Amino acid sequence: MWYAIAIAVIYTIIQAYYCVKKKYFKELLVSMVIILISAMYLVIPFTELNIPTVSDIVYFIFKPLAELIFEIKK
């Protein structure tokens, strides 16, 4: 687990240096969020946290929307 965190931190530092050097601040923000989410899901199996998976989140968002669309269609 610590190797994964170390690799994520090293990659984050390299990515941040590149983005700041090129003045890509929006890209820096997006990449940091993506790296944070990936590192979080990488550490979950080791810590046994009960965090919803990506498919659970997508289901939570789109299930009411799909029900609404199909209800209107009737």
C-alpha atoms as a PDB file:
ATOM      1  CA  MET A   1       0.000   0.000   0.000  1.00  0.00           C
ATOM      2  CA  TRP A   2       2.801   2.418   0.834  1.00  0.00           C
ATOM      3  CA  TYR A   3       4.424   1.772  -2.539  1.00  0.00           C
ATOM      4  CA  ALA A   4       1.212   2.759  -4.291  1.00  0.00           C
ATOM      5  CA  ILE A   5       0.941   5.938  -2.242  1.00  0.00           C
ATOM      6  CA  ALA A   6       4.599   6.765  -2.894  1.00  0.00           C
ATOM      7  CA  ILE A   7       4.163   6.266  -6.638  1.00  0.00           C
ATOM      8  CA  ALA A   8       1.040   8.463  -6.624  1.00  0.00           C
ATOM      9  CA  VAL A   9       2.886  11.199  -4.721  1.00  0.00           C
ATOM     10  CA  ILE A  10       5.896  11.077  -7.049  1.00  0.00           C
ATOM     11  CA  TYR A  11       3.667  11.180 -10.116  1.00  0.00           C
ATOM     12  CA  THR A  12       1.701  14.078  -8.610  1.00  0.00           C
ATOM     13  CA  ILE A  13       4.872  16.074  -8.008  1.00  0.00           C
ATOM     14  CA  ILE A  14       6.071  15.483 -11.570  1.00  0.00           C
ATOM     15  CA  GLN A  15       2.661  16.367 -13.012  1.00  0.00           C
ATOM     16  CA  ALA A  16       2.380  19.490 -10.848  1.00  0.00           C
ATOM     17  CA  TYR A  17       5.846  20.679 -11.844  1.00  0.00           C
ATOM     18  CA  TYR A  18       5.051  20.253 -15.531  1.00  0.00           C
ATOM     19  CA  CYS A  19       1.662  21.977 -15.322  1.00  0.00           C
ATOM     20  CA  VAL A  20       2.941  24.918 -13.269  1.00  0.00           C
ATOM     21  CA  LYS A  21       5.904  25.348 -15.601  1.00  0.00           C
ATOM     22  CA  LYS A  22       3.584  25.491 -18.632  1.00  0.00           C
ATOM     23  CA  LYS A  23       0.945  27.514 -16.690  1.00  0.00           C
ATOM     24  CA  TYR A  24      -1.738  24.848 -17.191  1.00  0.00           C
ATOM     25  CA  PHE A  25      -3.612  25.523 -13.959  1.00  0.00           C
ATOM     26  CA  LYS A  26      -6.964  24.054 -15.041  1.00  0.00           C
ATOM     27  CA  GLU A  27      -5.253  20.892 -16.239  1.00  0.00           C
ATOM     28  CA  LEU A  28      -3.386  20.749 -12.949  1.00  0.00           C
ATOM     29  CA  LEU A  29      -6.639  20.872 -10.994  1.00  0.00           C
ATOM     30  CA  VAL A  30      -8.272  18.170 -13.119  1.00  0.00           C
ATOM     31  CA  SER A  31      -5.244  15.884 -12.966  1.00  0.00           C
ATOM     32  CA  MET A  32      -4.958  16.302  -9.183  1.00  0.00           C
ATOM     33  CA  VAL A  33      -8.607  15.357  -8.711  1.00  0.00           C
ATOM     34  CA  ILE A  34      -8.206  12.292 -10.941  1.00  0.00           C
ATOM     35  CA  ILE A  35      -5.012  11.234  -9.163  1.00  0.00           C
ATOM     36  CA  LEU A  36      -6.703  11.685  -5.773  1.00  0.00           C
ATOM     37  CA  ILE A  37      -9.688   9.564  -6.790  1.00  0.00           C
ATOM     38  CA  SER A  38      -7.459   6.830  -8.246  1.00  0.00           C
ATOM     39  CA  ALA A  39      -5.234   6.735  -5.190  1.00  0.00           C
ATOM     40  CA  MET A  40      -8.291   6.565  -2.955  1.00  0.00           C
ATOM     41  CA  TYR A  41      -9.690   3.575  -4.844  1.00  0.00           C
ATOM     42  CA  LEU A  42      -6.251   1.955  -4.840  1.00  0.00           C
ATOM     43  CA  VAL A  43      -5.996   2.174  -1.037  1.00  0.00           C
ATOM     44  CA  ILE A  44      -9.582   1.056  -0.278  1.00  0.00           C
ATOM     45  CA  PRO A  45      -8.908  -2.724  -0.391  1.00  0.00           C
ATOM     46  CA  PHE A  46      -6.102  -2.374   2.139  1.00  0.00           C
ATOM     47  CA  THR A  47      -8.020  -0.215   4.606  1.00  0.00           C
ATOM     48  CA  GLU A  48     -11.391  -1.974   4.228  1.00  0.00           C
ATOM     49  CA  LEU A  49     -13.308   1.294   4.003  1.00  0.00           C
ATOM     50  CA  ASN A  50     -16.918   1.177   2.892  1.00  0.00           C
ATOM     51  CA  ILE A  51     -16.809   3.692   0.029  1.00  0.00           C
ATOM     52  CA  PRO A  52     -19.209   3.292  -2.912  1.00  0.00           C
ATOM     53  CA  THR A  53     -17.736   2.107  -6.176  1.00  0.00           C
ATOM     54  CA  VAL A  54     -17.896   4.101  -9.372  1.00  0.00           C
ATOM     55  CA  SER A  55     -20.699   1.900 -10.704  1.00  0.00           C
ATOM     56  CA  ASP A  56     -22.735   2.571  -7.544  1.00  0.00           C
ATOM     57  CA  ILE A  57     -22.309   6.314  -8.044  1.00  0.00           C
ATOM     58  CA  VAL A  58     -23.338   6.114 -11.711  1.00  0.00           C
ATOM     59  CA  TYR A  59     -26.350   3.984 -10.767  1.00  0.00           C
ATOM     60  CA  PHE A  60     -27.337   6.492  -8.065  1.00  0.00           C
ATOM     61  CA  ILE A  61     -27.163   9.388 -10.531  1.00  0.00           C
ATOM     62  CA  PHE A  62     -28.789   7.845 -13.596  1.00  0.00           C
ATOM     63  CA  LYS A  63     -31.460   5.573 -12.086  1.00  0.00           C
ATOM     64  CA  PRO A  64     -33.880   8.421 -11.195  1.00  0.00           C
ATOM     65  CA  LEU A  65     -33.161  10.090 -14.526  1.00  0.00           C
ATOM     66  CA  ALA A  66     -33.953   6.898 -16.452  1.00  0.00           C
ATOM     67  CA  GLU A  67     -37.150   6.366 -14.458  1.00  0.00           C
ATOM     68  CA  LEU A  68     -38.217   9.931 -15.210  1.00  0.00           C
ATOM     69  CA  ILE A  69     -37.562   9.547 -18.935  1.00  0.00           C
ATOM     70  CA  PHE A  70     -39.424   6.248 -19.205  1.00  0.00           C
ATOM     71  CA  GLU A  71     -42.301   7.622 -17.125  1.00  0.00           C
ATOM     72  CA  ILE A  72     -42.669  10.585 -19.481  1.00  0.00           C
ATOM     73  CA  LYS A  73     -42.481   8.255 -22.485  1.00  0.00           C
ATOM     74  CA  LYS A  74     -45.605   6.318 -21.370  1.00  0.00           C
END
